Amino acid sequence: MLKRFIIVSLAIVTSLASGISSAAEQDAGPVGQSDTIRLTTNNLSRVWQNINEIILVLSANIALEDEWIQGLRDLKPNPSVDTSVGPKGAMTAFRKKLDVLLTSNDLAPTPSPSSDADDISALYVDSGMLLDNLVYYLIHSDTLASVSIYYGGEDIHGATDKDVLAEIDLASQRLDALISESGL
């Protein structure tokens, strides 16, 4: 009796698994296309919020005055940020500032952008490289730092290009303050 139950169970599971696999193949579309990962401005905004968090942690590590770090925490993304430079231009300016911080601590500067494209995929990859460099700097500065939290976070919905630019601008302001406080 038990043998029959196991055989029937295996047959049902196999049947169900092949049905699920067929449905997944149909949803995936033509070969080479997949809709499992769709990068949006929501994803890009999340990366820049994480970058902002790391800058706050780094700033708190060197803060001599509570008022100074509280002032950095109180800064919010500017909803009327200048959009003329675009995300790529804003990221280039941020990269240059970050390189000042990295090289002053005997760390390698950030790698060049992955491409000159201004599409969401290229911006996401380049933002991820900047995040990685900040994480590396945080580990270099504080070997006990827990960094996995900067690779996730709460989902964001409805972020626009302007929201991303506002997050980049906020990170740039905070990085300027960190560099200044560091005496660089």
C-alpha atoms as a PDB file:
ATOM      1  CA  MET A   1       0.000   0.000   0.000  1.00  0.00           C
ATOM      2  CA  LEU A   2       2.762   2.444   0.925  1.00  0.00           C
ATOM      3  CA  LYS A   3       4.649   1.585  -2.243  1.00  0.00           C
ATOM      4  CA  ARG A   4       1.606   2.393  -4.366  1.00  0.00           C
ATOM      5  CA  PHE A   5       1.118   5.706  -2.531  1.00  0.00           C
ATOM      6  CA  ILE A   6       4.746   6.738  -3.168  1.00  0.00           C
ATOM      7  CA  ILE A   7       4.526   5.832  -6.873  1.00  0.00           C
ATOM      8  CA  VAL A   8       1.266   7.751  -7.342  1.00  0.00           C
ATOM      9  CA  SER A   9       2.682  10.749  -5.441  1.00  0.00           C
ATOM     10  CA  LEU A  10       5.804  10.791  -7.606  1.00  0.00           C
ATOM     11  CA  ALA A  11       3.699  10.591 -10.760  1.00  0.00           C
ATOM     12  CA  ILE A  12       1.535  13.520  -9.641  1.00  0.00           C
ATOM     13  CA  VAL A  13       4.516  15.653  -8.637  1.00  0.00           C
ATOM     14  CA  THR A  14       6.272  14.907 -11.940  1.00  0.00           C
ATOM     15  CA  SER A  15       3.147  15.771 -13.873  1.00  0.00           C
ATOM     16  CA  LEU A  16       2.657  19.025 -12.002  1.00  0.00           C
ATOM     17  CA  ALA A  17       6.317  19.977 -12.342  1.00  0.00           C
ATOM     18  CA  SER A  18       6.264  19.492 -16.108  1.00  0.00           C
ATOM     19  CA  GLY A  19       3.119  21.637 -16.341  1.00  0.00           C
ATOM     20  CA  ILE A  20       4.744  24.406 -14.353  1.00  0.00           C
ATOM     21  CA  SER A  21       7.864  24.203 -16.490  1.00  0.00           C
ATOM     22  CA  SER A  22       5.824  24.450 -19.716  1.00  0.00           C
ATOM     23  CA  ALA A  23       3.920  27.468 -18.416  1.00  0.00           C
ATOM     24  CA  ALA A  24       7.159  29.182 -17.422  1.00  0.00           C
ATOM     25  CA  GLU A  25       8.636  28.565 -20.869  1.00  0.00           C
ATOM     26  CA  GLN A  26       5.560  30.078 -22.513  1.00  0.00           C
ATOM     27  CA  ASP A  27       5.717  33.163 -20.270  1.00  0.00           C
ATOM     28  CA  ALA A  28       9.396  33.714 -20.999  1.00  0.00           C
ATOM     29  CA  GLY A  29       8.679  34.509 -24.639  1.00  0.00           C
ATOM     30  CA  PRO A  30      11.104  33.941 -27.490  1.00  0.00           C
ATOM     31  CA  VAL A  31      14.553  32.509 -26.863  1.00  0.00           C
ATOM     32  CA  GLY A  32      16.884  35.139 -25.417  1.00  0.00           C
ATOM     33  CA  GLN A  33      14.108  37.242 -23.931  1.00  0.00           C
ATOM     34  CA  SER A  34      13.057  37.120 -20.348  1.00  0.00           C
ATOM     35  CA  ASP A  35      10.817  39.299 -18.291  1.00  0.00           C
ATOM     36  CA  THR A  36      12.084  38.052 -14.956  1.00  0.00           C
ATOM     37  CA  ILE A  37      14.102  41.204 -14.282  1.00  0.00           C
ATOM     38  CA  ARG A  38      12.826  44.551 -15.421  1.00  0.00           C
ATOM     39  CA  LEU A  39      14.913  47.432 -14.215  1.00  0.00           C
ATOM     40  CA  THR A  40      13.003  50.597 -13.488  1.00  0.00           C
ATOM     41  CA  THR A  41      13.640  53.927 -11.853  1.00  0.00           C
ATOM     42  CA  ASN A  42      12.353  52.254  -8.670  1.00  0.00           C
ATOM     43  CA  ASN A  43      15.412  49.958  -8.689  1.00  0.00           C
ATOM     44  CA  LEU A  44      17.758  52.828  -9.446  1.00  0.00           C
ATOM     45  CA  SER A  45      16.275  54.977  -6.691  1.00  0.00           C
ATOM     46  CA  ARG A  46      16.743  52.106  -4.189  1.00  0.00           C
ATOM     47  CA  VAL A  47      20.460  51.867  -5.043  1.00  0.00           C
ATOM     48  CA  TRP A  48      20.889  55.607  -4.486  1.00  0.00           C
ATOM     49  CA  GLN A  49      19.009  55.463  -1.182  1.00  0.00           C
ATOM     50  CA  ASN A  50      21.478  52.785  -0.095  1.00  0.00           C
ATOM     51  CA  ILE A  51      24.380  54.969  -1.224  1.00  0.00           C
ATOM     52  CA  ASN A  52      22.952  57.779   0.881  1.00  0.00           C
ATOM     53  CA  GLU A  53      22.729  55.462   3.891  1.00  0.00           C
ATOM     54  CA  ILE A  54      26.369  54.430   3.572  1.00  0.00           C
ATOM     55  CA  ILE A  55      27.471  58.054   3.381  1.00  0.00           C
ATOM     56  CA  LEU A  56      25.529  58.746   6.584  1.00  0.00           C
ATOM     57  CA  VAL A  57      27.215  55.797   8.332  1.00  0.00           C
ATOM     58  CA  LEU A  58      30.650  56.946   7.164  1.00  0.00           C
ATOM     59  CA  SER A  59      29.857  60.477   8.294  1.00  0.00           C
ATOM     60  CA  ALA A  60      28.684  59.295  11.710  1.00  0.00           C
ATOM     61  CA  ASN A  61      31.992  57.448  12.123  1.00  0.00           C
ATOM     62  CA  ILE A  62      33.971  60.695  11.849  1.00  0.00           C
ATOM     63  CA  ALA A  63      31.459  63.187  13.263  1.00  0.00           C
ATOM     64  CA  LEU A  64      32.847  65.381  15.979  1.00  0.00           C
ATOM     65  CA  GLU A  65      29.563  67.145  16.591  1.00  0.00           C
ATOM     66  CA  ASP A  66      26.109  65.636  16.915  1.00  0.00           C
ATOM     67  CA  GLU A  67      24.588  68.684  15.249  1.00  0.00           C
ATOM     68  CA  TRP A  68      26.664  68.164  12.103  1.00  0.00           C
ATOM     69  CA  ILE A  69      25.604  64.547  11.577  1.00  0.00           C
ATOM     70  CA  GLN A  70      22.010  65.394  12.461  1.00  0.00           C
ATOM     71  CA  GLY A  71      22.096  68.108   9.811  1.00  0.00           C
ATOM     72  CA  LEU A  72      23.184  65.514   7.241  1.00  0.00           C
ATOM     73  CA  ARG A  73      20.433  63.149   8.346  1.00  0.00           C
ATOM     74  CA  ASP A  74      17.857  65.911   8.080  1.00  0.00           C
ATOM     75  CA  LEU A  75      18.720  66.639   4.445  1.00  0.00           C
ATOM     76  CA  LYS A  76      16.019  65.356   2.124  1.00  0.00           C
ATOM     77  CA  PRO A  77      15.975  64.834  -1.646  1.00  0.00           C
ATOM     78  CA  ASN A  78      15.215  68.118  -3.406  1.00  0.00           C
ATOM     79  CA  PRO A  79      12.048  67.690  -5.505  1.00  0.00           C
ATOM     80  CA  SER A  80      13.027  70.647  -7.699  1.00  0.00           C
ATOM     81  CA  VAL A  81      16.518  69.379  -8.553  1.00  0.00           C
ATOM     82  CA  ASP A  82      18.114  70.590 -11.779  1.00  0.00           C
ATOM     83  CA  THR A  83      17.388  67.950 -14.425  1.00  0.00           C
ATOM     84  CA  SER A  84      19.518  69.466 -17.177  1.00  0.00           C
ATOM     85  CA  VAL A  85      22.626  67.408 -16.336  1.00  0.00           C
ATOM     86  CA  GLY A  86      20.744  64.108 -16.412  1.00  0.00           C
ATOM     87  CA  PRO A  87      21.519  61.055 -14.300  1.00  0.00           C
ATOM     88  CA  LYS A  88      24.714  60.189 -16.193  1.00  0.00           C
ATOM     89  CA  GLY A  89      26.145  63.690 -15.658  1.00  0.00           C
ATOM     90  CA  ALA A  90      25.150  63.711 -11.986  1.00  0.00           C
ATOM     91  CA  MET A  91      26.752  60.299 -11.498  1.00  0.00           C
ATOM     92  CA  THR A  92      29.966  61.464 -13.190  1.00  0.00           C
ATOM     93  CA  ALA A  93      30.204  64.410 -10.785  1.00  0.00           C
ATOM     94  CA  PHE A  94      29.520  62.074  -7.838  1.00  0.00           C
ATOM     95  CA  ARG A  95      32.154  59.601  -9.088  1.00  0.00           C
ATOM     96  CA  LYS A  96      34.814  62.357  -9.153  1.00  0.00           C
ATOM     97  CA  LYS A  97      34.046  63.300  -5.549  1.00  0.00           C
ATOM     98  CA  LEU A  98      34.060  59.677  -4.451  1.00  0.00           C
ATOM     99  CA  ASP A  99      37.442  59.186  -6.106  1.00  0.00           C
ATOM    100  CA  VAL A 100      38.844  62.007  -3.952  1.00  0.00           C
ATOM    101  CA  LEU A 101      37.718  60.152  -0.850  1.00  0.00           C
ATOM    102  CA  LEU A 102      38.959  56.762  -2.055  1.00  0.00           C
ATOM    103  CA  THR A 103      42.385  57.856  -3.271  1.00  0.00           C
ATOM    104  CA  SER A 104      43.027  59.869  -0.117  1.00  0.00           C
ATOM    105  CA  ASN A 105      42.683  56.584   1.774  1.00  0.00           C
ATOM    106  CA  ASP A 106      45.010  54.668  -0.551  1.00  0.00           C
ATOM    107  CA  LEU A 107      42.130  52.881  -2.288  1.00  0.00           C
ATOM    108  CA  ALA A 108      41.695  52.490  -6.017  1.00  0.00           C
ATOM    109  CA  PRO A 109      39.411  54.998  -7.734  1.00  0.00           C
ATOM    110  CA  THR A 110      36.076  53.870  -9.085  1.00  0.00           C
ATOM    111  CA  PRO A 111      36.097  52.085 -12.423  1.00  0.00           C
ATOM    112  CA  SER A 112      35.024  53.960 -15.521  1.00  0.00           C
ATOM    113  CA  PRO A 113      31.345  53.748 -16.422  1.00  0.00           C
ATOM    114  CA  SER A 114      30.276  50.540 -18.124  1.00  0.00           C
ATOM    115  CA  SER A 115      29.126  52.447 -21.204  1.00  0.00           C
ATOM    116  CA  ASP A 116      28.201  55.881 -22.444  1.00  0.00           C
ATOM    117  CA  ALA A 117      24.576  54.825 -22.703  1.00  0.00           C
ATOM    118  CA  ASP A 118      22.018  56.695 -20.677  1.00  0.00           C
ATOM    119  CA  ASP A 119      19.526  53.839 -20.451  1.00  0.00           C
ATOM    120  CA  ILE A 120      18.248  52.386 -17.204  1.00  0.00           C
ATOM    121  CA  SER A 121      20.413  49.245 -17.418  1.00  0.00           C
ATOM    122  CA  ALA A 122      23.681  51.173 -17.831  1.00  0.00           C
ATOM    123  CA  LEU A 123      22.714  53.612 -15.066  1.00  0.00           C
ATOM    124  CA  TYR A 124      21.864  50.709 -12.764  1.00  0.00           C
ATOM    125  CA  VAL A 125      25.178  48.933 -13.400  1.00  0.00           C
ATOM    126  CA  ASP A 126      27.154  52.150 -12.909  1.00  0.00           C
ATOM    127  CA  SER A 127      25.224  52.986  -9.734  1.00  0.00           C
ATOM    128  CA  GLY A 128      25.940  49.489  -8.464  1.00  0.00           C
ATOM    129  CA  MET A 129      29.667  49.996  -9.044  1.00  0.00           C
ATOM    130  CA  LEU A 130      29.536  53.231  -7.043  1.00  0.00           C
ATOM    131  CA  LEU A 131      27.645  51.411  -4.277  1.00  0.00           C
ATOM    132  CA  ASP A 132      30.249  48.626  -4.299  1.00  0.00           C
ATOM    133  CA  ASN A 133      33.085  51.144  -3.977  1.00  0.00           C
ATOM    134  CA  LEU A 134      31.388  52.848  -1.056  1.00  0.00           C
ATOM    135  CA  VAL A 135      30.826  49.473   0.619  1.00  0.00           C
ATOM    136  CA  TYR A 136      34.486  48.632   0.097  1.00  0.00           C
ATOM    137  CA  TYR A 137      35.465  51.977   1.632  1.00  0.00           C
ATOM    138  CA  LEU A 138      33.131  51.328   4.573  1.00  0.00           C
ATOM    139  CA  ILE A 139      34.749  47.920   5.159  1.00  0.00           C
ATOM    140  CA  HIS A 140      38.170  49.553   4.884  1.00  0.00           C
ATOM    141  CA  SER A 141      37.133  52.183   7.448  1.00  0.00           C
ATOM    142  CA  ASP A 142      35.297  49.862   9.812  1.00  0.00           C
ATOM    143  CA  THR A 143      36.148  46.182   9.569  1.00  0.00           C
ATOM    144  CA  LEU A 144      33.197  45.286  11.801  1.00  0.00           C
ATOM    145  CA  ALA A 145      30.650  46.976   9.539  1.00  0.00           C
ATOM    146  CA  SER A 146      27.759  44.872   8.353  1.00  0.00           C
ATOM    147  CA  VAL A 147      27.311  45.675   4.684  1.00  0.00           C
ATOM    148  CA  SER A 148      24.750  43.236   3.325  1.00  0.00           C
ATOM    149  CA  ILE A 149      21.944  45.570   4.366  1.00  0.00           C
ATOM    150  CA  TYR A 150      23.035  48.031   1.677  1.00  0.00           C
ATOM    151  CA  TYR A 151      22.155  45.611  -1.090  1.00  0.00           C
ATOM    152  CA  GLY A 152      18.433  45.519  -0.460  1.00  0.00           C
ATOM    153  CA  GLY A 153      15.774  47.469   1.310  1.00  0.00           C
ATOM    154  CA  GLU A 154      12.113  48.220   1.090  1.00  0.00           C
ATOM    155  CA  ASP A 155      10.528  48.223  -2.323  1.00  0.00           C
ATOM    156  CA  ILE A 156       9.996  51.589  -3.926  1.00  0.00           C
ATOM    157  CA  HIS A 157       7.030  52.255  -6.161  1.00  0.00           C
ATOM    158  CA  GLY A 158       6.439  55.145  -8.516  1.00  0.00           C
ATOM    159  CA  ALA A 159       9.945  56.620  -8.592  1.00  0.00           C
ATOM    160  CA  THR A 160      10.588  58.945 -11.513  1.00  0.00           C
ATOM    161  CA  ASP A 161      13.745  60.134 -13.253  1.00  0.00           C
ATOM    162  CA  LYS A 162      13.488  63.281 -11.157  1.00  0.00           C
ATOM    163  CA  ASP A 163      13.382  61.199  -7.958  1.00  0.00           C
ATOM    164  CA  VAL A 164      16.569  59.417  -9.007  1.00  0.00           C
ATOM    165  CA  LEU A 165      18.274  62.739  -9.746  1.00  0.00           C
ATOM    166  CA  ALA A 166      17.133  64.042  -6.360  1.00  0.00           C
ATOM    167  CA  GLU A 167      18.692  60.987  -4.628  1.00  0.00           C
ATOM    168  CA  ILE A 168      21.946  61.453  -6.566  1.00  0.00           C
ATOM    169  CA  ASP A 169      21.966  65.162  -5.671  1.00  0.00           C
ATOM    170  CA  LEU A 170      21.376  64.330  -1.992  1.00  0.00           C
ATOM    171  CA  ALA A 171      24.225  61.804  -2.034  1.00  0.00           C
ATOM    172  CA  SER A 172      26.460  64.392  -3.662  1.00  0.00           C
ATOM    173  CA  GLN A 173      25.650  66.982  -0.977  1.00  0.00           C
ATOM    174  CA  ARG A 174      26.300  64.489   1.790  1.00  0.00           C
ATOM    175  CA  LEU A 175      29.538  63.344   0.160  1.00  0.00           C
ATOM    176  CA  ASP A 176      30.675  66.992  -0.092  1.00  0.00           C
ATOM    177  CA  ALA A 177      30.060  67.365   3.648  1.00  0.00           C
ATOM    178  CA  LEU A 178      31.922  64.128   4.410  1.00  0.00           C
ATOM    179  CA  ILE A 179      34.894  65.182   2.307  1.00  0.00           C
ATOM    180  CA  SER A 180      34.952  68.603   3.942  1.00  0.00           C
ATOM    181  CA  GLU A 181      34.683  67.147   7.453  1.00  0.00           C
ATOM    182  CA  SER A 182      37.516  64.747   6.591  1.00  0.00           C
ATOM    183  CA  GLY A 183      39.704  67.731   5.724  1.00  0.00           C
ATOM    184  CA  LEU A 184      40.158  66.753   2.090  1.00  0.00           C
END
